[in-house]
mmCIF file of all heavy atoms, coordinates in Angstrom:
data_MODEL
# 
_entry.id   MODEL 
# 
loop_
_atom_site.group_PDB 
_atom_site.id 
_atom_site.type_symbol 
_atom_site.label_atom_id 
_atom_site.label_alt_id 
_atom_site.label_comp_id 
_atom_site.label_asym_id 
_atom_site.label_entity_id 
_atom_site.label_seq_id 
_atom_site.pdbx_PDB_ins_code 
_atom_site.Cartn_x 
_atom_site.Cartn_y 
_atom_site.Cartn_z 
_atom_site.occupancy 
_atom_site.B_iso_or_equiv 
_atom_site.pdbx_formal_charge 
_atom_site.auth_seq_id 
_atom_site.auth_comp_id 
_atom_site.auth_asym_id 
_atom_site.auth_atom_id 
_atom_site.pdbx_PDB_model_num 
ATOM 1   N N   . ALA A 1 1  ? 24.564 7.615  -90.216 1.00 0.00 ? 1  ALA A N   1 
ATOM 2   C CA  . ALA A 1 1  ? 23.518 7.049  -89.371 1.00 0.00 ? 1  ALA A CA  1 
ATOM 3   C C   . ALA A 1 1  ? 22.263 6.686  -90.359 1.00 0.00 ? 1  ALA A C   1 
ATOM 4   O O   . ALA A 1 1  ? 21.926 7.588  -91.214 1.00 0.00 ? 1  ALA A O   1 
ATOM 5   C CB  . ALA A 1 1  ? 23.139 7.925  -88.272 1.00 0.00 ? 1  ALA A CB  1 
ATOM 6   N N   . VAL A 1 2  ? 21.658 5.494  -90.011 1.00 0.00 ? 2  VAL A N   1 
ATOM 7   C CA  . VAL A 1 2  ? 20.419 5.240  -90.790 1.00 0.00 ? 2  VAL A CA  1 
ATOM 8   C C   . VAL A 1 2  ? 19.282 5.063  -89.779 1.00 0.00 ? 2  VAL A C   1 
ATOM 9   O O   . VAL A 1 2  ? 19.445 4.451  -88.696 1.00 0.00 ? 2  VAL A O   1 
ATOM 10  C CB  . VAL A 1 2  ? 20.628 3.916  -91.555 1.00 0.00 ? 2  VAL A CB  1 
ATOM 11  C CG1 . VAL A 1 2  ? 19.259 3.535  -92.157 1.00 0.00 ? 2  VAL A CG1 1 
ATOM 12  C CG2 . VAL A 1 2  ? 21.653 4.058  -92.586 1.00 0.00 ? 2  VAL A CG2 1 
ATOM 13  N N   . ALA A 1 3  ? 18.184 5.705  -90.081 1.00 0.00 ? 3  ALA A N   1 
ATOM 14  C CA  . ALA A 1 3  ? 16.995 5.572  -89.187 1.00 0.00 ? 3  ALA A CA  1 
ATOM 15  C C   . ALA A 1 3  ? 15.741 5.596  -89.988 1.00 0.00 ? 3  ALA A C   1 
ATOM 16  O O   . ALA A 1 3  ? 15.808 5.569  -91.318 1.00 0.00 ? 3  ALA A O   1 
ATOM 17  C CB  . ALA A 1 3  ? 16.938 6.937  -88.322 1.00 0.00 ? 3  ALA A CB  1 
ATOM 18  N N   . ILE A 1 4  ? 14.601 5.290  -89.323 1.00 0.00 ? 4  ILE A N   1 
ATOM 19  C CA  . ILE A 1 4  ? 13.300 5.424  -90.021 1.00 0.00 ? 4  ILE A CA  1 
ATOM 20  C C   . ILE A 1 4  ? 12.486 6.324  -89.295 1.00 0.00 ? 4  ILE A C   1 
ATOM 21  O O   . ILE A 1 4  ? 12.672 6.609  -88.042 1.00 0.00 ? 4  ILE A O   1 
ATOM 22  C CB  . ILE A 1 4  ? 12.600 4.021  -90.228 1.00 0.00 ? 4  ILE A CB  1 
ATOM 23  C CG1 . ILE A 1 4  ? 12.453 3.293  -88.731 1.00 0.00 ? 4  ILE A CG1 1 
ATOM 24  C CG2 . ILE A 1 4  ? 13.428 3.061  -91.008 1.00 0.00 ? 4  ILE A CG2 1 
ATOM 25  C CD1 . ILE A 1 4  ? 11.604 2.165  -88.663 1.00 0.00 ? 4  ILE A CD1 1 
ATOM 26  N N   . ALA A 1 5  ? 11.595 7.008  -90.103 1.00 0.00 ? 5  ALA A N   1 
ATOM 27  C CA  . ALA A 1 5  ? 10.641 7.999  -89.458 1.00 0.00 ? 5  ALA A CA  1 
ATOM 28  C C   . ALA A 1 5  ? 9.465  8.094  -90.257 1.00 0.00 ? 5  ALA A C   1 
ATOM 29  O O   . ALA A 1 5  ? 9.438  7.804  -91.484 1.00 0.00 ? 5  ALA A O   1 
ATOM 30  C CB  . ALA A 1 5  ? 11.331 9.402  -89.431 1.00 0.00 ? 5  ALA A CB  1 
ATOM 31  N N   . ASP A 1 6  ? 8.332  8.434  -89.563 1.00 0.00 ? 6  ASP A N   1 
ATOM 32  C CA  . ASP A 1 6  ? 7.084  8.543  -90.232 1.00 0.00 ? 6  ASP A CA  1 
ATOM 33  C C   . ASP A 1 6  ? 6.384  9.946  -89.838 1.00 0.00 ? 6  ASP A C   1 
ATOM 34  O O   . ASP A 1 6  ? 5.114  10.111 -89.928 1.00 0.00 ? 6  ASP A O   1 
ATOM 35  C CB  . ASP A 1 6  ? 6.112  7.367  -90.095 1.00 0.00 ? 6  ASP A CB  1 
ATOM 36  C CG  . ASP A 1 6  ? 5.590  7.210  -88.735 1.00 0.00 ? 6  ASP A CG  1 
ATOM 37  O OD1 . ASP A 1 6  ? 6.135  7.920  -87.736 1.00 0.00 ? 6  ASP A OD1 1 
ATOM 38  O OD2 . ASP A 1 6  ? 4.779  6.283  -88.487 1.00 0.00 ? 6  ASP A OD2 1 
ATOM 39  N N   . ASP A 1 7  ? 7.060  10.706 -89.206 1.00 0.00 ? 7  ASP A N   1 
ATOM 40  C CA  . ASP A 1 7  ? 6.513  12.002 -88.630 1.00 0.00 ? 7  ASP A CA  1 
ATOM 41  C C   . ASP A 1 7  ? 6.505  13.223 -89.654 1.00 0.00 ? 7  ASP A C   1 
ATOM 42  O O   . ASP A 1 7  ? 6.850  14.274 -89.337 1.00 0.00 ? 7  ASP A O   1 
ATOM 43  C CB  . ASP A 1 7  ? 7.142  12.311 -87.296 1.00 0.00 ? 7  ASP A CB  1 
ATOM 44  C CG  . ASP A 1 7  ? 8.744  12.593 -87.475 1.00 0.00 ? 7  ASP A CG  1 
ATOM 45  O OD1 . ASP A 1 7  ? 9.257  12.226 -88.467 1.00 0.00 ? 7  ASP A OD1 1 
ATOM 46  O OD2 . ASP A 1 7  ? 9.305  12.961 -86.586 1.00 0.00 ? 7  ASP A OD2 1 
ATOM 47  N N   . TYR A 1 8  ? 5.994  12.859 -90.875 1.00 0.00 ? 8  TYR A N   1 
ATOM 48  C CA  . TYR A 1 8  ? 5.899  13.856 -91.926 1.00 0.00 ? 8  TYR A CA  1 
ATOM 49  C C   . TYR A 1 8  ? 4.426  14.258 -92.103 1.00 0.00 ? 8  TYR A C   1 
ATOM 50  O O   . TYR A 1 8  ? 3.540  13.482 -91.481 1.00 0.00 ? 8  TYR A O   1 
ATOM 51  C CB  . TYR A 1 8  ? 6.477  13.229 -93.232 1.00 0.00 ? 8  TYR A CB  1 
ATOM 52  C CG  . TYR A 1 8  ? 7.826  12.753 -93.150 1.00 0.00 ? 8  TYR A CG  1 
ATOM 53  C CD1 . TYR A 1 8  ? 8.012  11.397 -92.959 1.00 0.00 ? 8  TYR A CD1 1 
ATOM 54  C CD2 . TYR A 1 8  ? 8.864  13.565 -93.062 1.00 0.00 ? 8  TYR A CD2 1 
ATOM 55  C CE1 . TYR A 1 8  ? 9.321  10.784 -92.788 1.00 0.00 ? 8  TYR A CE1 1 
ATOM 56  C CE2 . TYR A 1 8  ? 10.218 13.094 -93.021 1.00 0.00 ? 8  TYR A CE2 1 
ATOM 57  C CZ  . TYR A 1 8  ? 10.397 11.792 -92.832 1.00 0.00 ? 8  TYR A CZ  1 
ATOM 58  O OH  . TYR A 1 8  ? 11.687 11.216 -92.758 1.00 0.00 ? 8  TYR A OH  1 
ATOM 59  N N   . GLU A 1 9  ? 4.172  15.190 -92.764 1.00 0.00 ? 9  GLU A N   1 
ATOM 60  C CA  . GLU A 1 9  ? 2.670  15.614 -92.973 1.00 0.00 ? 9  GLU A CA  1 
ATOM 61  C C   . GLU A 1 9  ? 2.005  14.522 -93.535 1.00 0.00 ? 9  GLU A C   1 
ATOM 62  O O   . GLU A 1 9  ? 0.716  14.354 -93.305 1.00 0.00 ? 9  GLU A O   1 
ATOM 63  C CB  . GLU A 1 9  ? 2.518  16.827 -93.793 1.00 0.00 ? 9  GLU A CB  1 
ATOM 64  C CG  . GLU A 1 9  ? 3.092  18.131 -93.048 1.00 0.00 ? 9  GLU A CG  1 
ATOM 65  C CD  . GLU A 1 9  ? 2.848  19.348 -93.872 1.00 0.00 ? 9  GLU A CD  1 
ATOM 66  O OE1 . GLU A 1 9  ? 2.160  19.333 -94.881 1.00 0.00 ? 9  GLU A OE1 1 
ATOM 67  O OE2 . GLU A 1 9  ? 3.445  20.406 -93.446 1.00 0.00 ? 9  GLU A OE2 1 
ATOM 68  N N   . ASP A 1 10 ? 2.569  13.647 -94.506 1.00 0.00 ? 10 ASP A N   1 
ATOM 69  C CA  . ASP A 1 10 ? 1.820  12.632 -95.141 1.00 0.00 ? 10 ASP A CA  1 
ATOM 70  C C   . ASP A 1 10 ? 1.897  11.359 -94.338 1.00 0.00 ? 10 ASP A C   1 
ATOM 71  O O   . ASP A 1 10 ? 1.288  10.330 -94.740 1.00 0.00 ? 10 ASP A O   1 
ATOM 72  C CB  . ASP A 1 10 ? 2.224  12.487 -96.535 1.00 0.00 ? 10 ASP A CB  1 
ATOM 73  C CG  . ASP A 1 10 ? 3.664  11.988 -96.718 1.00 0.00 ? 10 ASP A CG  1 
ATOM 74  O OD1 . ASP A 1 10 ? 4.391  11.811 -95.653 1.00 0.00 ? 10 ASP A OD1 1 
ATOM 75  O OD2 . ASP A 1 10 ? 4.214  11.891 -97.873 1.00 0.00 ? 10 ASP A OD2 1 
ATOM 76  N N   . ALA A 1 11 ? 2.539  11.216 -93.215 1.00 0.00 ? 11 ALA A N   1 
ATOM 77  C CA  . ALA A 1 11 ? 2.677  10.175 -92.362 1.00 0.00 ? 11 ALA A CA  1 
ATOM 78  C C   . ALA A 1 11 ? 3.212  8.890  -93.116 1.00 0.00 ? 11 ALA A C   1 
ATOM 79  O O   . ALA A 1 11 ? 3.208  7.725  -92.646 1.00 0.00 ? 11 ALA A O   1 
ATOM 80  C CB  . ALA A 1 11 ? 1.421  9.652  -91.686 1.00 0.00 ? 11 ALA A CB  1 
ATOM 81  N N   . THR A 1 12 ? 3.886  9.213  -94.284 1.00 0.00 ? 12 THR A N   1 
ATOM 82  C CA  . THR A 1 12 ? 4.490  8.048  -94.928 1.00 0.00 ? 12 THR A CA  1 
ATOM 83  C C   . THR A 1 12 ? 5.888  7.667  -94.455 1.00 0.00 ? 12 THR A C   1 
ATOM 84  O O   . THR A 1 12 ? 6.803  8.613  -94.153 1.00 0.00 ? 12 THR A O   1 
ATOM 85  C CB  . THR A 1 12 ? 4.715  8.411  -96.516 1.00 0.00 ? 12 THR A CB  1 
ATOM 86  O OG1 . THR A 1 12 ? 3.467  8.769  -97.062 1.00 0.00 ? 12 THR A OG1 1 
ATOM 87  C CG2 . THR A 1 12 ? 5.404  7.256  -97.303 1.00 0.00 ? 12 THR A CG2 1 
ATOM 88  N N   . PRO A 1 13 ? 6.190  6.381  -94.062 1.00 0.00 ? 13 PRO A N   1 
ATOM 89  C CA  . PRO A 1 13 ? 7.422  6.106  -93.479 1.00 0.00 ? 13 PRO A CA  1 
ATOM 90  C C   . PRO A 1 13 ? 8.629  6.202  -94.548 1.00 0.00 ? 13 PRO A C   1 
ATOM 91  O O   . PRO A 1 13 ? 8.416  5.897  -95.748 1.00 0.00 ? 13 PRO A O   1 
ATOM 92  C CB  . PRO A 1 13 ? 7.207  4.497  -92.939 1.00 0.00 ? 13 PRO A CB  1 
ATOM 93  C CG  . PRO A 1 13 ? 6.099  4.059  -93.679 1.00 0.00 ? 13 PRO A CG  1 
ATOM 94  C CD  . PRO A 1 13 ? 5.261  5.312  -94.219 1.00 0.00 ? 13 PRO A CD  1 
ATOM 95  N N   . ARG A 1 14 ? 9.782  6.769  -94.074 1.00 0.00 ? 14 ARG A N   1 
ATOM 96  C CA  . ARG A 1 14 ? 10.914 6.904  -95.048 1.00 0.00 ? 14 ARG A CA  1 
ATOM 97  C C   . ARG A 1 14 ? 12.246 6.348  -94.179 1.00 0.00 ? 14 ARG A C   1 
ATOM 98  O O   . ARG A 1 14 ? 12.193 6.374  -93.051 1.00 0.00 ? 14 ARG A O   1 
ATOM 99  C CB  . ARG A 1 14 ? 11.131 8.462  -95.273 1.00 0.00 ? 14 ARG A CB  1 
ATOM 100 C CG  . ARG A 1 14 ? 10.034 8.880  -96.280 1.00 0.00 ? 14 ARG A CG  1 
ATOM 101 C CD  . ARG A 1 14 ? 10.051 10.398 -96.423 1.00 0.00 ? 14 ARG A CD  1 
ATOM 102 N NE  . ARG A 1 14 ? 9.096  10.794 -97.529 1.00 0.00 ? 14 ARG A NE  1 
ATOM 103 C CZ  . ARG A 1 14 ? 7.806  11.189 -97.281 1.00 0.00 ? 14 ARG A CZ  1 
ATOM 104 N NH1 . ARG A 1 14 ? 7.189  10.938 -96.074 1.00 0.00 ? 14 ARG A NH1 1 
ATOM 105 N NH2 . ARG A 1 14 ? 7.031  11.534 -98.242 1.00 0.00 ? 14 ARG A NH2 1 
ATOM 106 N N   . VAL A 1 15 ? 13.153 6.143  -95.025 1.00 0.00 ? 15 VAL A N   1 
ATOM 107 C CA  . VAL A 1 15 ? 14.447 5.770  -94.455 1.00 0.00 ? 15 VAL A CA  1 
ATOM 108 C C   . VAL A 1 15 ? 15.277 7.158  -94.374 1.00 0.00 ? 15 VAL A C   1 
ATOM 109 O O   . VAL A 1 15 ? 15.235 7.920  -95.369 1.00 0.00 ? 15 VAL A O   1 
ATOM 110 C CB  . VAL A 1 15 ? 15.170 4.677  -95.411 1.00 0.00 ? 15 VAL A CB  1 
ATOM 111 C CG1 . VAL A 1 15 ? 16.590 4.585  -95.045 1.00 0.00 ? 15 VAL A CG1 1 
ATOM 112 C CG2 . VAL A 1 15 ? 14.464 3.484  -95.442 1.00 0.00 ? 15 VAL A CG2 1 
ATOM 113 N N   . VAL A 1 16 ? 15.805 7.306  -93.360 1.00 0.00 ? 16 VAL A N   1 
ATOM 114 C CA  . VAL A 1 16 ? 16.563 8.663  -93.233 1.00 0.00 ? 16 VAL A CA  1 
ATOM 115 C C   . VAL A 1 16 ? 18.151 8.337  -93.046 1.00 0.00 ? 16 VAL A C   1 
ATOM 116 O O   . VAL A 1 16 ? 18.491 7.656  -92.158 1.00 0.00 ? 16 VAL A O   1 
ATOM 117 C CB  . VAL A 1 16 ? 16.076 9.373  -91.839 1.00 0.00 ? 16 VAL A CB  1 
ATOM 118 C CG1 . VAL A 1 16 ? 16.852 10.656 -91.714 1.00 0.00 ? 16 VAL A CG1 1 
ATOM 119 C CG2 . VAL A 1 16 ? 14.510 9.639  -91.906 1.00 0.00 ? 16 VAL A CG2 1 
ATOM 120 N N   . LEU A 1 17 ? 18.830 8.865  -93.977 1.00 0.00 ? 17 LEU A N   1 
ATOM 121 C CA  . LEU A 1 17 ? 20.294 8.738  -94.024 1.00 0.00 ? 17 LEU A CA  1 
ATOM 122 C C   . LEU A 1 17 ? 20.931 10.046 -93.601 1.00 0.00 ? 17 LEU A C   1 
ATOM 123 O O   . LEU A 1 17 ? 20.645 11.088 -94.337 1.00 0.00 ? 17 LEU A O   1 
ATOM 124 C CB  . LEU A 1 17 ? 20.715 8.295  -95.430 1.00 0.00 ? 17 LEU A CB  1 
ATOM 125 C CG  . LEU A 1 17 ? 22.184 8.237  -95.584 1.00 0.00 ? 17 LEU A CG  1 
ATOM 126 C CD1 . LEU A 1 17 ? 22.892 7.245  -94.656 1.00 0.00 ? 17 LEU A CD1 1 
ATOM 127 C CD2 . LEU A 1 17 ? 22.466 7.860  -97.110 1.00 0.00 ? 17 LEU A CD2 1 
ATOM 128 N N   . THR A 1 18 ? 21.715 10.002 -92.646 1.00 0.00 ? 18 THR A N   1 
ATOM 129 C CA  . THR A 1 18 ? 22.564 11.246 -92.245 1.00 0.00 ? 18 THR A CA  1 
ATOM 130 C C   . THR A 1 18 ? 24.004 11.010 -92.270 1.00 0.00 ? 18 THR A C   1 
ATOM 131 O O   . THR A 1 18 ? 24.546 9.973  -91.859 1.00 0.00 ? 18 THR A O   1 
ATOM 132 C CB  . THR A 1 18 ? 22.179 11.489 -90.767 1.00 0.00 ? 18 THR A CB  1 
ATOM 133 O OG1 . THR A 1 18 ? 20.745 11.678 -90.481 1.00 0.00 ? 18 THR A OG1 1 
ATOM 134 C CG2 . THR A 1 18 ? 22.867 12.848 -90.173 1.00 0.00 ? 18 THR A CG2 1 
ATOM 135 N N   . VAL A 1 19 ? 24.633 11.900 -92.985 1.00 0.00 ? 19 VAL A N   1 
ATOM 136 C CA  . VAL A 1 19 ? 26.113 11.922 -93.205 1.00 0.00 ? 19 VAL A CA  1 
ATOM 137 C C   . VAL A 1 19 ? 26.730 13.197 -92.563 1.00 0.00 ? 19 VAL A C   1 
ATOM 138 O O   . VAL A 1 19 ? 26.322 14.296 -93.013 1.00 0.00 ? 19 VAL A O   1 
ATOM 139 C CB  . VAL A 1 19 ? 26.569 11.747 -94.654 1.00 0.00 ? 19 VAL A CB  1 
ATOM 140 C CG1 . VAL A 1 19 ? 27.958 11.696 -94.780 1.00 0.00 ? 19 VAL A CG1 1 
ATOM 141 C CG2 . VAL A 1 19 ? 25.868 10.431 -95.267 1.00 0.00 ? 19 VAL A CG2 1 
ATOM 142 N N   . GLU A 1 20 ? 27.596 13.001 -91.710 1.00 0.00 ? 20 GLU A N   1 
ATOM 143 C CA  . GLU A 1 20 ? 28.140 14.289 -91.001 1.00 0.00 ? 20 GLU A CA  1 
ATOM 144 C C   . GLU A 1 20 ? 29.636 14.249 -91.011 1.00 0.00 ? 20 GLU A C   1 
ATOM 145 O O   . GLU A 1 20 ? 30.227 13.111 -90.753 1.00 0.00 ? 20 GLU A O   1 
ATOM 146 C CB  . GLU A 1 20 ? 27.666 14.485 -89.643 1.00 0.00 ? 20 GLU A CB  1 
ATOM 147 C CG  . GLU A 1 20 ? 26.129 14.741 -89.511 1.00 0.00 ? 20 GLU A CG  1 
ATOM 148 C CD  . GLU A 1 20 ? 25.785 15.046 -88.057 1.00 0.00 ? 20 GLU A CD  1 
ATOM 149 O OE1 . GLU A 1 20 ? 26.306 14.376 -87.208 1.00 0.00 ? 20 GLU A OE1 1 
ATOM 150 O OE2 . GLU A 1 20 ? 24.819 15.838 -87.870 1.00 0.00 ? 20 GLU A OE2 1 
ATOM 151 N N   . GLU A 1 21 ? 30.349 15.306 -91.231 1.00 0.00 ? 21 GLU A N   1 
ATOM 152 C CA  . GLU A 1 21 ? 31.635 15.389 -91.232 1.00 0.00 ? 21 GLU A CA  1 
ATOM 153 C C   . GLU A 1 21 ? 32.173 15.504 -89.633 1.00 0.00 ? 21 GLU A C   1 
ATOM 154 O O   . GLU A 1 21 ? 31.366 16.168 -88.842 1.00 0.00 ? 21 GLU A O   1 
ATOM 155 C CB  . GLU A 1 21 ? 32.333 16.687 -91.848 1.00 0.00 ? 21 GLU A CB  1 
ATOM 156 C CG  . GLU A 1 21 ? 33.843 16.763 -91.940 1.00 0.00 ? 21 GLU A CG  1 
ATOM 157 C CD  . GLU A 1 21 ? 34.328 17.828 -92.764 1.00 0.00 ? 21 GLU A CD  1 
ATOM 158 O OE1 . GLU A 1 21 ? 33.429 18.619 -93.290 1.00 0.00 ? 21 GLU A OE1 1 
ATOM 159 O OE2 . GLU A 1 21 ? 35.495 18.011 -92.900 1.00 0.00 ? 21 GLU A OE2 1 
ATOM 160 N N   . VAL A 1 22 ? 33.270 14.765 -89.245 1.00 0.00 ? 22 VAL A N   1 
ATOM 161 C CA  . VAL A 1 22 ? 33.552 14.762 -87.912 1.00 0.00 ? 22 VAL A CA  1 
ATOM 162 C C   . VAL A 1 22 ? 33.893 16.207 -87.434 1.00 0.00 ? 22 VAL A C   1 
ATOM 163 O O   . VAL A 1 22 ? 34.427 17.046 -88.095 1.00 0.00 ? 22 VAL A O   1 
ATOM 164 C CB  . VAL A 1 22 ? 34.900 13.950 -87.705 1.00 0.00 ? 22 VAL A CB  1 
ATOM 165 C CG1 . VAL A 1 22 ? 35.510 14.082 -86.330 1.00 0.00 ? 22 VAL A CG1 1 
ATOM 166 C CG2 . VAL A 1 22 ? 34.554 12.450 -87.945 1.00 0.00 ? 22 VAL A CG2 1 
ATOM 167 N N   . GLY A 1 23 ? 33.341 16.605 -86.341 1.00 0.00 ? 23 GLY A N   1 
ATOM 168 C CA  . GLY A 1 23 ? 33.538 18.025 -85.797 1.00 0.00 ? 23 GLY A CA  1 
ATOM 169 C C   . GLY A 1 23 ? 32.383 18.899 -86.283 1.00 0.00 ? 23 GLY A C   1 
ATOM 170 O O   . GLY A 1 23 ? 32.543 20.107 -85.841 1.00 0.00 ? 23 GLY A O   1 
ATOM 171 N N   . GLN A 1 24 ? 31.544 18.480 -87.082 1.00 0.00 ? 24 GLN A N   1 
ATOM 172 C CA  . GLN A 1 24 ? 30.502 19.389 -87.613 1.00 0.00 ? 24 GLN A CA  1 
ATOM 173 C C   . GLN A 1 24 ? 29.151 18.805 -87.336 1.00 0.00 ? 24 GLN A C   1 
ATOM 174 O O   . GLN A 1 24 ? 28.252 18.949 -88.252 1.00 0.00 ? 24 GLN A O   1 
ATOM 175 C CB  . GLN A 1 24 ? 30.742 19.453 -89.175 1.00 0.00 ? 24 GLN A CB  1 
ATOM 176 C CG  . GLN A 1 24 ? 31.974 20.129 -89.622 1.00 0.00 ? 24 GLN A CG  1 
ATOM 177 C CD  . GLN A 1 24 ? 32.068 21.551 -89.161 1.00 0.00 ? 24 GLN A CD  1 
ATOM 178 O OE1 . GLN A 1 24 ? 31.137 22.322 -89.270 1.00 0.00 ? 24 GLN A OE1 1 
ATOM 179 N NE2 . GLN A 1 24 ? 33.258 21.903 -88.623 1.00 0.00 ? 24 GLN A NE2 1 
# 
């Protein structure tokens, strides 16, 4: 999954890449 977020302490927007094994 790819998302964007800016809810960090520095409020800098970032691209968030998540990779998960099926069943995990």
